[in-house]
Amino acid sequence: MDSHNLTLVATYRRTIHASLERIWENVLDWEHLPWLHRKSFTAIHLLEQTSVGWRARVTLAPVEKKREAVIAIETDMPNLRYWSRTIEGQGAGNRVLTSLSPVSQHAITIVVEFYAPSLPSDKAQALGDAYMRLYKQLWDEDERMMQRRQALLDRGWQSRSIENFDMK
């Protein structure tokens, strides 16, 4: 993905306490957006899915504002990064590059760079601030989900029937 003719409006850094495997599962799992991130997304309709990404039309919260966007996720797993592009609708032209750096088996440092078409500095700052708030919330929610999934996998939940499953 190319970021020419785009302005870097913010950079978010953080360590996620989850494995690289859980992060890639999360990135490729388009279905979780309106379920886990219901404060940000109210619906999603898959348009295309490949082995390295997906493209979908999302409805953004709140539903009363009737804002939609087509977003595309493209992974570059060998280089530990992925792009999120807004192709049309709300935020069209914006791109987000997330780079992953393993710290340990269950800790990954992420660097998220937010790019937008050229904007006046005050609008770039406001957009950058909005992205920072949004991505903190999204990663907080994703991190909790990935940790819970790992805990369940560590307990061998895949081999149990649903009737015998203990949520403790």
Protein backbone atom coordinates (compact mmCIF):
# COMPACT_ATOMS: atom_id res chain seq x y z
CA MET A 1 0.00 0.00 0.00
CA ASP A 2 1.21 3.43 -0.89
CA SER A 3 0.79 6.48 1.35
CA HIS A 4 1.98 9.10 -1.16
CA ASN A 5 -0.17 12.23 -1.30
CA LEU A 6 -1.43 11.48 2.20
CA THR A 7 -0.68 13.30 5.43
CA LEU A 8 0.24 11.47 8.63
CA VAL A 9 -2.30 12.85 11.14
CA ALA A 10 -1.43 10.75 14.22
CA THR A 11 0.52 7.74 15.47
CA TYR A 12 -0.76 5.41 18.19
CA ARG A 13 1.65 3.11 20.07
CA ARG A 14 0.82 0.44 22.58
CA THR A 15 1.64 -3.07 23.73
CA ILE A 16 -1.17 -5.57 23.24
CA HIS A 17 -1.13 -8.51 25.64
CA ALA A 18 -2.07 -11.18 23.13
CA SER A 19 -0.24 -13.47 20.75
CA LEU A 20 0.47 -12.71 17.13
CA GLU A 21 -1.88 -15.56 16.19
CA ARG A 22 -4.77 -13.96 18.12
CA ILE A 23 -4.05 -10.58 16.51
CA TRP A 24 -4.13 -12.01 12.97
CA GLU A 25 -7.38 -13.85 13.78
CA ASN A 26 -8.83 -10.57 14.99
CA VAL A 27 -7.71 -8.61 11.92
CA LEU A 28 -9.24 -11.14 9.51
CA ASP A 29 -12.47 -11.53 11.54
CA TRP A 30 -14.71 -8.94 9.89
CA GLU A 31 -17.84 -10.36 11.55
CA HIS A 32 -16.89 -9.20 15.05
CA LEU A 33 -17.04 -5.48 14.25
CA PRO A 34 -20.73 -4.74 15.02
CA TRP A 35 -20.81 -7.35 17.78
CA LEU A 36 -17.74 -6.38 19.78
CA HIS A 37 -17.42 -2.76 18.64
CA ARG A 38 -21.10 -1.81 18.73
CA LYS A 39 -20.25 1.72 19.92
CA SER A 40 -18.50 2.25 16.57
CA PHE A 41 -20.18 -0.10 14.06
CA THR A 42 -23.84 -1.05 13.85
CA ALA A 43 -23.72 -3.36 10.82
CA ILE A 44 -21.38 -4.93 8.30
CA HIS A 45 -21.91 -6.49 4.88
CA LEU A 46 -19.02 -8.49 3.43
CA LEU A 47 -18.23 -7.59 -0.19
CA GLU A 48 -15.11 -9.71 -0.71
CA GLN A 49 -12.85 -11.99 1.32
CA THR A 50 -9.43 -13.34 0.35
CA SER A 51 -6.66 -15.19 2.15
CA VAL A 52 -4.98 -11.86 2.97
CA GLY A 53 -7.90 -9.60 3.76
CA TRP A 54 -11.45 -8.51 3.19
CA ARG A 55 -13.62 -5.64 1.97
CA ALA A 56 -16.96 -4.71 3.50
CA ARG A 57 -19.60 -2.00 3.77
CA VAL A 58 -19.98 -0.88 7.37
CA THR A 59 -22.67 1.21 9.01
CA LEU A 60 -21.14 3.54 11.56
CA ALA A 61 -22.67 4.36 14.92
CA PRO A 62 -24.92 5.98 15.81
CA VAL A 63 -27.38 4.42 13.39
CA GLU A 64 -29.51 7.61 13.36
CA LYS A 65 -26.78 9.47 11.44
CA LYS A 66 -26.91 6.95 8.55
CA ARG A 67 -23.17 7.02 7.83
CA GLU A 68 -21.62 4.21 5.83
CA ALA A 69 -18.19 3.41 4.49
CA VAL A 70 -16.56 0.71 2.45
CA ILE A 71 -13.39 -0.44 4.16
CA ALA A 72 -10.73 -2.86 3.00
CA ILE A 73 -8.22 -4.73 5.14
CA GLU A 74 -5.06 -6.06 3.51
CA THR A 75 -2.50 -7.98 5.51
CA ASP A 76 1.22 -8.32 4.89
CA MET A 77 1.89 -11.07 7.42
CA PRO A 78 5.52 -11.75 6.44
CA ASN A 79 6.31 -8.10 7.23
CA LEU A 80 4.03 -8.02 10.30
CA ARG A 81 1.76 -5.22 9.14
CA TYR A 82 -1.64 -4.52 7.67
CA TRP A 83 -3.49 -1.67 6.01
CA SER A 84 -7.04 -0.53 6.55
CA ARG A 85 -8.31 1.67 3.73
CA THR A 86 -11.57 3.59 3.51
CA ILE A 87 -12.54 3.21 -0.13
CA GLU A 88 -15.81 5.13 -0.15
CA GLY A 89 -18.23 6.89 2.16
CA GLN A 90 -17.38 8.43 5.53
CA GLY A 91 -13.60 8.96 5.63
CA ALA A 92 -12.98 7.99 2.00
CA GLY A 93 -9.30 8.19 1.15
CA ASN A 94 -8.09 7.63 4.71
CA ARG A 95 -5.61 4.83 5.37
CA VAL A 96 -4.35 3.22 8.54
CA LEU A 97 -1.10 1.24 8.70
CA THR A 98 -0.63 -1.06 11.69
CA SER A 99 2.82 -2.52 12.29
CA LEU A 100 3.34 -5.37 14.74
CA SER A 101 6.51 -6.09 16.75
CA PRO A 102 6.49 -9.18 18.98
CA VAL A 103 7.85 -8.54 22.47
CA SER A 104 7.10 -12.02 23.80
CA GLN A 105 4.77 -14.91 23.00
CA HIS A 106 1.79 -13.00 24.41
CA ALA A 107 2.81 -9.36 23.96
CA ILE A 108 2.94 -7.41 20.71
CA THR A 109 3.86 -3.77 20.35
CA ILE A 110 1.69 -2.06 17.75
CA VAL A 111 2.37 1.18 15.93
CA VAL A 112 -0.71 2.52 14.16
CA GLU A 113 -0.21 5.35 11.67
CA PHE A 114 -3.24 7.31 10.50
CA TYR A 115 -3.10 8.94 7.06
CA ALA A 116 -5.56 11.25 5.34
CA PRO A 117 -5.66 13.23 2.11
CA SER A 118 -4.12 16.68 2.55
CA LEU A 119 -5.93 18.70 5.20
CA PRO A 120 -5.38 22.07 6.89
CA SER A 121 -3.38 21.55 10.10
CA ASP A 122 -6.36 22.18 12.44
CA LYS A 123 -8.50 19.60 10.64
CA ALA A 124 -5.59 17.13 10.52
CA GLN A 125 -5.13 17.55 14.27
CA ALA A 126 -8.85 17.02 14.95
CA LEU A 127 -8.94 13.92 12.72
CA GLY A 128 -5.80 12.56 14.38
CA ASP A 129 -7.30 13.08 17.83
CA ALA A 130 -10.52 11.32 16.77
CA TYR A 131 -8.54 8.37 15.40
CA MET A 132 -6.51 8.11 18.61
CA ARG A 133 -9.68 7.96 20.75
CA LEU A 134 -11.34 5.46 18.41
CA TYR A 135 -8.38 3.12 18.15
CA LYS A 136 -7.74 3.15 21.91
CA GLN A 137 -11.33 2.00 22.40
CA LEU A 138 -11.16 -0.59 19.58
CA TRP A 139 -7.88 -2.06 20.80
CA ASP A 140 -9.10 -2.11 24.45
CA GLU A 141 -12.11 -4.16 23.30
CA ASP A 142 -10.06 -6.38 20.98
CA GLU A 143 -7.38 -7.03 23.59
CA ARG A 144 -9.96 -8.23 26.14
CA MET A 145 -11.55 -10.51 23.52
CA MET A 146 -8.19 -11.96 22.42
CA GLN A 147 -7.13 -12.60 26.02
CA ARG A 148 -10.43 -14.33 26.78
CA ARG A 149 -10.15 -16.48 23.66
CA GLN A 150 -6.59 -17.47 24.58
CA ALA A 151 -7.66 -18.37 28.13
CA LEU A 152 -10.43 -20.57 26.74
CA LEU A 153 -8.07 -22.23 24.25
CA ASP A 154 -5.54 -22.82 27.04
CA ARG A 155 -8.27 -24.60 29.01
CA GLY A 156 -9.04 -26.85 26.04
CA TRP A 157 -12.54 -25.50 25.33
CA GLN A 158 -12.54 -26.81 21.74
CA SER A 159 -12.75 -30.39 22.97
CA ARG A 160 -15.73 -29.81 25.25
CA SER A 161 -19.37 -29.80 24.35
CA ILE A 162 -21.32 -26.63 25.00
CA GLU A 163 -23.41 -28.35 27.69
CA ASN A 164 -20.29 -29.17 29.71
CA PHE A 165 -18.62 -25.79 29.30
CA ASP A 166 -17.77 -23.98 32.54
CA MET A 167 -17.40 -20.18 32.10
CA LYS A 168 -15.16 -19.83 35.19
